[in-house]
Amino acid sequence: MDAIIDGFNWLIDFFKTIFDFISNTFTTIGMAFEYIATIVRLCYKTISTLPNYLQAFGLITISICAIFIVINRNPGKSKE
């Protein structure tokens, strides 16, 4: 009888672990997007202090960098 109870406890712990793993994964992904948004917002504020003729180039550069970060393309890495 104890083996059956231990088996059910193990099964419940297993599903709790899987649920916690999935929950933590989505929480971490959400935090990463929040951090990216905060960094981009800070960069836009910094760009707004530049002269008008440099703001366009800064805005384009930051936009392209943010898009590359989101789609996970980092062309500067060396391939090993």
PDB file of N, CA and C in Angstrom:
ATOM      1  N   MET A   1       0.816  -1.199   0.000  1.00  0.00           N
ATOM      2  CA  MET A   1       0.000   0.000   0.000  1.00  0.00           C
ATOM      3  C   MET A   1       0.862   1.266   0.000  1.00  0.00           C
ATOM      4  N   ASP A   2       1.968   1.218   0.743  1.00  0.00           N
ATOM      5  CA  ASP A   2       2.864   2.368   0.798  1.00  0.00           C
ATOM      6  C   ASP A   2       3.487   2.650  -0.566  1.00  0.00           C
ATOM      7  N   ALA A   3       3.746   1.575  -1.326  1.00  0.00           N
ATOM      8  CA  ALA A   3       4.342   1.763  -2.655  1.00  0.00           C
ATOM      9  C   ALA A   3       3.383   2.498  -3.576  1.00  0.00           C
ATOM     10  N   ILE A   4       2.097   2.220  -3.476  1.00  0.00           N
ATOM     11  CA  ILE A   4       1.099   2.902  -4.319  1.00  0.00           C
ATOM     12  C   ILE A   4       1.012   4.374  -3.938  1.00  0.00           C
ATOM     13  N   ILE A   5       1.023   4.662  -2.643  1.00  0.00           N
ATOM     14  CA  ILE A   5       0.971   6.058  -2.179  1.00  0.00           C
ATOM     15  C   ILE A   5       2.232   6.802  -2.612  1.00  0.00           C
ATOM     16  N   ASP A   6       3.392   6.139  -2.467  1.00  0.00           N
ATOM     17  CA  ASP A   6       4.645   6.752  -2.917  1.00  0.00           C
ATOM     18  C   ASP A   6       4.627   7.008  -4.418  1.00  0.00           C
ATOM     19  N   GLY A   7       4.045   6.090  -5.168  1.00  0.00           N
ATOM     20  CA  GLY A   7       3.938   6.275  -6.619  1.00  0.00           C
ATOM     21  C   GLY A   7       3.075   7.467  -6.976  1.00  0.00           C
ATOM     22  N   PHE A   8       1.942   7.612  -6.295  1.00  0.00           N
ATOM     23  CA  PHE A   8       1.084   8.781  -6.550  1.00  0.00           C
ATOM     24  C   PHE A   8       1.774  10.082  -6.143  1.00  0.00           C
ATOM     25  N   ASN A   9       2.489  10.049  -5.022  1.00  0.00           N
ATOM     26  CA  ASN A   9       3.230  11.242  -4.596  1.00  0.00           C
ATOM     27  C   ASN A   9       4.296  11.616  -5.619  1.00  0.00           C
ATOM     28  N   TRP A  10       4.993  10.591  -6.135  1.00  0.00           N
ATOM     29  CA  TRP A  10       6.002  10.844  -7.146  1.00  0.00           C
ATOM     30  C   TRP A  10       5.366  11.444  -8.400  1.00  0.00           C
ATOM     31  N   LEU A  11       4.223  10.909  -8.817  1.00  0.00           N
ATOM     32  CA  LEU A  11       3.531  11.404 -10.006  1.00  0.00           C
ATOM     33  C   LEU A  11       3.076  12.852  -9.817  1.00  0.00           C
ATOM     34  N   ILE A  12       2.543  13.161  -8.640  1.00  0.00           N
ATOM     35  CA  ILE A  12       2.114  14.529  -8.352  1.00  0.00           C
ATOM     36  C   ILE A  12       3.321  15.468  -8.348  1.00  0.00           C
ATOM     37  N   ASP A  13       4.418  15.063  -7.723  1.00  0.00           N
ATOM     38  CA  ASP A  13       5.634  15.884  -7.715  1.00  0.00           C
ATOM     39  C   ASP A  13       6.183  16.079  -9.124  1.00  0.00           C
ATOM     40  N   PHE A  14       6.097  15.048  -9.949  1.00  0.00           N
ATOM     41  CA  PHE A  14       6.567  15.148 -11.328  1.00  0.00           C
ATOM     42  C   PHE A  14       5.781  16.204 -12.099  1.00  0.00           C
ATOM     43  N   PHE A  15       4.448  16.164 -11.994  1.00  0.00           N
ATOM     44  CA  PHE A  15       3.635  17.138 -12.708  1.00  0.00           C
ATOM     45  C   PHE A  15       3.825  18.554 -12.153  1.00  0.00           C
ATOM     46  N   LYS A  16       4.033  18.676 -10.852  1.00  0.00           N
ATOM     47  CA  LYS A  16       4.311  19.986 -10.263  1.00  0.00           C
ATOM     48  C   LYS A  16       5.629  20.537 -10.806  1.00  0.00           C
ATOM     49  N   THR A  17       6.623  19.668 -10.926  1.00  0.00           N
ATOM     50  CA  THR A  17       7.925  20.089 -11.445  1.00  0.00           C
ATOM     51  C   THR A  17       7.805  20.544 -12.898  1.00  0.00           C
ATOM     52  N   ILE A  18       7.092  19.799 -13.709  1.00  0.00           N
ATOM     53  CA  ILE A  18       6.900  20.171 -15.114  1.00  0.00           C
ATOM     54  C   ILE A  18       6.161  21.502 -15.207  1.00  0.00           C
ATOM     55  N   PHE A  19       5.116  21.670 -14.417  1.00  0.00           N
ATOM     56  CA  PHE A  19       4.357  22.919 -14.422  1.00  0.00           C
ATOM     57  C   PHE A  19       5.227  24.098 -13.990  1.00  0.00           C
ATOM     58  N   ASP A  20       6.020  23.912 -12.932  1.00  0.00           N
ATOM     59  CA  ASP A  20       6.917  24.971 -12.470  1.00  0.00           C
ATOM     60  C   ASP A  20       7.958  25.322 -13.537  1.00  0.00           C
ATOM     61  N   PHE A  21       8.482  24.319 -14.224  1.00  0.00           N
ATOM     62  CA  PHE A  21       9.470  24.557 -15.277  1.00  0.00           C
ATOM     63  C   PHE A  21       8.865  25.397 -16.395  1.00  0.00           C
ATOM     64  N   ILE A  22       7.684  25.009 -16.863  1.00  0.00           N
ATOM     65  CA  ILE A  22       7.026  25.748 -17.945  1.00  0.00           C
ATOM     66  C   ILE A  22       6.672  27.160 -17.489  1.00  0.00           C
ATOM     67  N   SER A  23       6.173  27.291 -16.276  1.00  0.00           N
ATOM     68  CA  SER A  23       5.814  28.602 -15.735  1.00  0.00           C
ATOM     69  C   SER A  23       7.040  29.505 -15.631  1.00  0.00           C
ATOM     70  N   ASN A  24       8.132  28.979 -15.116  1.00  0.00           N
ATOM     71  CA  ASN A  24       9.356  29.768 -14.990  1.00  0.00           C
ATOM     72  C   ASN A  24       9.937  30.141 -16.351  1.00  0.00           C
ATOM     73  N   THR A  25       9.806  29.265 -17.334  1.00  0.00           N
ATOM     74  CA  THR A  25      10.301  29.561 -18.675  1.00  0.00           C
ATOM     75  C   THR A  25       9.560  30.751 -19.262  1.00  0.00           C
ATOM     76  N   PHE A  26       8.233  30.740 -19.177  1.00  0.00           N
ATOM     77  CA  PHE A  26       7.462  31.862 -19.723  1.00  0.00           C
ATOM     78  C   PHE A  26       7.700  33.148 -18.937  1.00  0.00           C
ATOM     79  N   THR A  27       7.879  33.036 -17.633  1.00  0.00           N
ATOM     80  CA  THR A  27       8.179  34.217 -16.820  1.00  0.00           C
ATOM     81  C   THR A  27       9.512  34.829 -17.233  1.00  0.00           C
ATOM     82  N   THR A  28      10.513  33.996 -17.459  1.00  0.00           N
ATOM     83  CA  THR A  28      11.827  34.480 -17.856  1.00  0.00           C
ATOM     84  C   THR A  28      11.784  35.121 -19.240  1.00  0.00           C
ATOM     85  N   ILE A  29      11.045  34.527 -20.163  1.00  0.00           N
ATOM     86  CA  ILE A  29      10.910  35.114 -21.497  1.00  0.00           C
ATOM     87  C   ILE A  29      10.228  36.469 -21.405  1.00  0.00           C
ATOM     88  N   GLY A  30       9.195  36.579 -20.582  1.00  0.00           N
ATOM     89  CA  GLY A  30       8.520  37.859 -20.388  1.00  0.00           C
ATOM     90  C   GLY A  30       9.451  38.912 -19.808  1.00  0.00           C
ATOM     91  N   MET A  31      10.272  38.516 -18.836  1.00  0.00           N
ATOM     92  CA  MET A  31      11.233  39.456 -18.255  1.00  0.00           C
ATOM     93  C   MET A  31      12.255  39.900 -19.289  1.00  0.00           C
ATOM     94  N   ALA A  32      12.690  38.990 -20.151  1.00  0.00           N
ATOM     95  CA  ALA A  32      13.663  39.354 -21.181  1.00  0.00           C
ATOM     96  C   ALA A  32      13.078  40.404 -22.125  1.00  0.00           C
ATOM     97  N   PHE A  33      11.818  40.236 -22.529  1.00  0.00           N
ATOM     98  CA  PHE A  33      11.192  41.233 -23.397  1.00  0.00           C
ATOM     99  C   PHE A  33      11.008  42.560 -22.672  1.00  0.00           C
ATOM    100  N   GLU A  34      10.726  42.528 -21.369  1.00  0.00           N
ATOM    101  CA  GLU A  34      10.623  43.774 -20.601  1.00  0.00           C
ATOM    102  C   GLU A  34      11.972  44.484 -20.561  1.00  0.00           C
ATOM    103  N   TYR A  35      13.052  43.731 -20.364  1.00  0.00           N
ATOM    104  CA  TYR A  35      14.387  44.333 -20.336  1.00  0.00           C
ATOM    105  C   TYR A  35      14.752  44.929 -21.683  1.00  0.00           C
ATOM    106  N   ILE A  36      14.424  44.225 -22.751  1.00  0.00           N
ATOM    107  CA  ILE A  36      14.704  44.754 -24.086  1.00  0.00           C
ATOM    108  C   ILE A  36      13.928  46.043 -24.312  1.00  0.00           C
ATOM    109  N   ALA A  37      12.668  46.070 -23.906  1.00  0.00           N
ATOM    110  CA  ALA A  37      11.859  47.279 -24.065  1.00  0.00           C
ATOM    111  C   ALA A  37      12.429  48.436 -23.253  1.00  0.00           C
ATOM    112  N   THR A  38      12.896  48.159 -22.051  1.00  0.00           N
ATOM    113  CA  THR A  38      13.489  49.208 -21.215  1.00  0.00           C
ATOM    114  C   THR A  38      14.764  49.756 -21.841  1.00  0.00           C
ATOM    115  N   ILE A  39      15.592  48.883 -22.364  1.00  0.00           N
ATOM    116  CA  ILE A  39      16.840  49.313 -22.993  1.00  0.00           C
ATOM    117  C   ILE A  39      16.555  50.141 -24.237  1.00  0.00           C
ATOM    118  N   VAL A  40      15.608  49.692 -25.042  1.00  0.00           N
ATOM    119  CA  VAL A  40      15.262  50.436 -26.257  1.00  0.00           C
ATOM    120  C   VAL A  40      14.707  51.811 -25.890  1.00  0.00           C
ATOM    121  N   ARG A  41      13.866  51.873 -24.863  1.00  0.00           N
ATOM    122  CA  ARG A  41      13.306  53.152 -24.413  1.00  0.00           C
ATOM    123  C   ARG A  41      14.422  54.104 -23.968  1.00  0.00           C
ATOM    124  N   LEU A  42      15.399  53.583 -23.237  1.00  0.00           N
ATOM    125  CA  LEU A  42      16.523  54.392 -22.790  1.00  0.00           C
ATOM    126  C   LEU A  42      17.348  54.883 -23.974  1.00  0.00           C
ATOM    127  N   CYS A  43      17.530  54.025 -24.971  1.00  0.00           N
ATOM    128  CA  CYS A  43      18.275  54.431 -26.167  1.00  0.00           C
ATOM    129  C   CYS A  43      17.531  55.520 -26.934  1.00  0.00           C
ATOM    130  N   TYR A  44      16.216  55.404 -27.036  1.00  0.00           N
ATOM    131  CA  TYR A  44      15.442  56.439 -27.721  1.00  0.00           C
ATOM    132  C   TYR A  44      15.546  57.779 -27.000  1.00  0.00           C
ATOM    133  N   LYS A  45      15.538  57.747 -25.659  1.00  0.00           N
ATOM    134  CA  LYS A  45      15.690  58.987 -24.898  1.00  0.00           C
ATOM    135  C   LYS A  45      17.063  59.600 -25.151  1.00  0.00           C
ATOM    136  N   THR A  46      18.074  58.752 -25.226  1.00  0.00           N
ATOM    137  CA  THR A  46      19.427  59.242 -25.492  1.00  0.00           C
ATOM    138  C   THR A  46      19.520  59.827 -26.894  1.00  0.00           C
ATOM    139  N   ILE A  47      18.896  59.171 -27.859  1.00  0.00           N
ATOM    140  CA  ILE A  47      18.926  59.660 -29.237  1.00  0.00           C
ATOM    141  C   ILE A  47      18.209  60.997 -29.354  1.00  0.00           C
ATOM    142  N   SER A  48      17.183  61.201 -28.563  1.00  0.00           N
ATOM    143  CA  SER A  48      16.439  62.463 -28.655  1.00  0.00           C
ATOM    144  C   SER A  48      17.279  63.660 -28.228  1.00  0.00           C
ATOM    145  N   THR A  49      18.402  63.430 -27.548  1.00  0.00           N
ATOM    146  CA  THR A  49      19.282  64.531 -27.162  1.00  0.00           C
ATOM    147  C   THR A  49      20.243  64.922 -28.280  1.00  0.00           C
ATOM    148  N   LEU A  50      20.320  64.111 -29.323  1.00  0.00           N
ATOM    149  CA  LEU A  50      21.222  64.409 -30.440  1.00  0.00           C
ATOM    150  C   LEU A  50      20.630  65.496 -31.341  1.00  0.00           C
ATOM    151  N   PRO A  51      21.470  66.110 -32.167  1.00  0.00           N
ATOM    152  CA  PRO A  51      20.940  67.067 -33.150  1.00  0.00           C
ATOM    153  C   PRO A  51      20.010  66.363 -34.145  1.00  0.00           C
ATOM    154  N   ASN A  52      19.153  67.136 -34.786  1.00  0.00           N
ATOM    155  CA  ASN A  52      18.133  66.564 -35.670  1.00  0.00           C
ATOM    156  C   ASN A  52      18.717  65.700 -36.783  1.00  0.00           C
ATOM    157  N   TYR A  53      19.817  66.132 -37.378  1.00  0.00           N
ATOM    158  CA  TYR A  53      20.352  65.375 -38.508  1.00  0.00           C
ATOM    159  C   TYR A  53      20.956  64.035 -38.078  1.00  0.00           C
ATOM    160  N   LEU A  54      21.284  63.872 -36.789  1.00  0.00           N
ATOM    161  CA  LEU A  54      21.794  62.595 -36.306  1.00  0.00           C
ATOM    162  C   LEU A  54      20.704  61.703 -35.714  1.00  0.00           C
ATOM    163  N   GLN A  55      19.565  62.277 -35.366  1.00  0.00           N
ATOM    164  CA  GLN A  55      18.492  61.491 -34.756  1.00  0.00           C
ATOM    165  C   GLN A  55      17.968  60.413 -35.693  1.00  0.00           C
ATOM    166  N   ALA A  56      17.845  60.709 -36.964  1.00  0.00           N
ATOM    167  CA  ALA A  56      17.331  59.719 -37.921  1.00  0.00           C
ATOM    168  C   ALA A  56      18.254  58.513 -37.998  1.00  0.00           C
ATOM    169  N   PHE A  57      19.552  58.751 -38.089  1.00  0.00           N
ATOM    170  CA  PHE A  57      20.497  57.634 -38.162  1.00  0.00           C
ATOM    171  C   PHE A  57      20.508  56.823 -36.867  1.00  0.00           C
ATOM    172  N   GLY A  58      20.434  57.496 -35.744  1.00  0.00           N
ATOM    173  CA  GLY A  58      20.390  56.788 -34.466  1.00  0.00           C
ATOM    174  C   GLY A  58      19.137  55.960 -34.316  1.00  0.00           C
ATOM    175  N   LEU A  59      18.008  56.514 -34.722  1.00  0.00           N
ATOM    176  CA  LEU A  59      16.732  55.802 -34.629  1.00  0.00           C
ATOM    177  C   LEU A  59      16.730  54.553 -35.501  1.00  0.00           C
ATOM    178  N   ILE A  60      17.238  54.684 -36.709  1.00  0.00           N
ATOM    179  CA  ILE A  60      17.303  53.527 -37.610  1.00  0.00           C
ATOM    180  C   ILE A  60      18.226  52.454 -37.047  1.00  0.00           C
ATOM    181  N   THR A  61      19.373  52.874 -36.518  1.00  0.00           N
ATOM    182  CA  THR A  61      20.339  51.917 -35.964  1.00  0.00           C
ATOM    183  C   THR A  61      19.760  51.154 -34.778  1.00  0.00           C
ATOM    184  N   ILE A  62      19.126  51.875 -33.864  1.00  0.00           N
ATOM    185  CA  ILE A  62      18.553  51.220 -32.682  1.00  0.00           C
ATOM    186  C   ILE A  62      17.405  50.294 -33.089  1.00  0.00           C
ATOM    187  N   SER A  63      16.592  50.699 -34.055  1.00  0.00           N
ATOM    188  CA  SER A  63      15.481  49.855 -34.503  1.00  0.00           C
ATOM    189  C   SER A  63      15.991  48.548 -35.101  1.00  0.00           C
ATOM    190  N   ILE A  64      16.999  48.637 -35.941  1.00  0.00           N
ATOM    191  CA  ILE A  64      17.556  47.427 -36.567  1.00  0.00           C
ATOM    192  C   ILE A  64      18.189  46.526 -35.513  1.00  0.00           C
ATOM    193  N   CYS A  65      18.900  47.108 -34.553  1.00  0.00           N
ATOM    194  CA  CYS A  65      19.515  46.306 -33.495  1.00  0.00           C
ATOM    195  C   CYS A  65      18.456  45.596 -32.653  1.00  0.00           C
ATOM    196  N   ALA A  66      17.379  46.296 -32.319  1.00  0.00           N
ATOM    197  CA  ALA A  66      16.314  45.679 -31.518  1.00  0.00           C
ATOM    198  C   ALA A  66      15.660  44.533 -32.280  1.00  0.00           C
ATOM    199  N   ILE A  67      15.439  44.724 -33.570  1.00  0.00           N
ATOM    200  CA  ILE A  67      14.845  43.653 -34.379  1.00  0.00           C
ATOM    201  C   ILE A  67      15.771  42.444 -34.425  1.00  0.00           C
ATOM    202  N   PHE A  68      17.077  42.676 -34.599  1.00  0.00           N
ATOM    203  CA  PHE A  68      18.030  41.568 -34.619  1.00  0.00           C
ATOM    204  C   PHE A  68      18.067  40.835 -33.285  1.00  0.00           C
ATOM    205  N   ILE A  69      17.948  41.561 -32.172  1.00  0.00           N
ATOM    206  CA  ILE A  69      17.946  40.908 -30.863  1.00  0.00           C
ATOM    207  C   ILE A  69      16.705  40.044 -30.717  1.00  0.00           C
ATOM    208  N   VAL A  70      15.560  40.551 -31.153  1.00  0.00           N
ATOM    209  CA  VAL A  70      14.314  39.798 -30.993  1.00  0.00           C
ATOM    210  C   VAL A  70      14.324  38.539 -31.840  1.00  0.00           C
ATOM    211  N   ILE A  71      14.821  38.616 -33.077  1.00  0.00           N
ATOM    212  CA  ILE A  71      14.835  37.422 -33.923  1.00  0.00           C
ATOM    213  C   ILE A  71      16.105  36.591 -33.734  1.00  0.00           C
ATOM    214  N   ASN A  72      16.957  37.034 -32.786  1.00  0.00           N
ATOM    215  CA  ASN A  72      18.156  36.294 -32.399  1.00  0.00           C
ATOM    216  C   ASN A  72      19.148  36.123 -33.540  1.00  0.00           C
ATOM    217  N   ARG A  73      19.409  37.183 -34.232  1.00  0.00           N
ATOM    218  CA  ARG A  73      20.421  37.166 -35.290  1.00  0.00           C
ATOM    219  C   ARG A  73      21.533  38.102 -34.873  1.00  0.00           C
ATOM    220  N   ASN A  74      22.690  37.549 -34.635  1.00  0.00           N
ATOM    221  CA  ASN A  74      23.847  38.337 -34.234  1.00  0.00           C
ATOM    222  C   ASN A  74      24.959  38.122 -35.278  1.00  0.00           C
ATOM    223  N   PRO A  75      24.996  38.957 -36.297  1.00  0.00           N
ATOM    224  CA  PRO A  75      25.946  38.725 -37.374  1.00  0.00           C
ATOM    225  C   PRO A  75      27.403  38.921 -36.963  1.00  0.00           C
ATOM    226  N   GLY A  76      27.666  39.519 -35.829  1.00  0.00           N
ATOM    227  CA  GLY A  76      29.038  39.766 -35.420  1.00  0.00           C
ATOM    228  C   GLY A  76      29.737  38.571 -34.815  1.00  0.00           C
ATOM    229  N   LYS A  77      29.034  37.498 -34.543  1.00  0.00           N
ATOM    230  CA  LYS A  77      29.653  36.324 -33.924  1.00  0.00           C
ATOM    231  C   LYS A  77      30.453  35.523 -34.941  1.00  0.00           C
ATOM    232  N   SER A  78      31.553  34.986 -34.476  1.00  0.00           N
ATOM    233  CA  SER A  78      32.321  34.109 -35.353  1.00  0.00           C
ATOM    234  C   SER A  78      31.725  32.712 -35.298  1.00  0.00           C
ATOM    235  N   LYS A  79      31.784  32.032 -36.415  1.00  0.00           N
ATOM    236  CA  LYS A  79      31.233  30.662 -36.481  1.00  0.00           C
ATOM    237  C   LYS A  79      32.346  29.675 -36.195  1.00  0.00           C
ATOM    238  N   GLU A  80      32.087  28.814 -35.239  1.00  0.00           N
ATOM    239  CA  GLU A  80      33.105  27.815 -34.887  1.00  0.00           C
ATOM    240  C   GLU A  80      32.655  26.448 -35.297  1.00  0.00           C
TER     241      GLU A  80
END
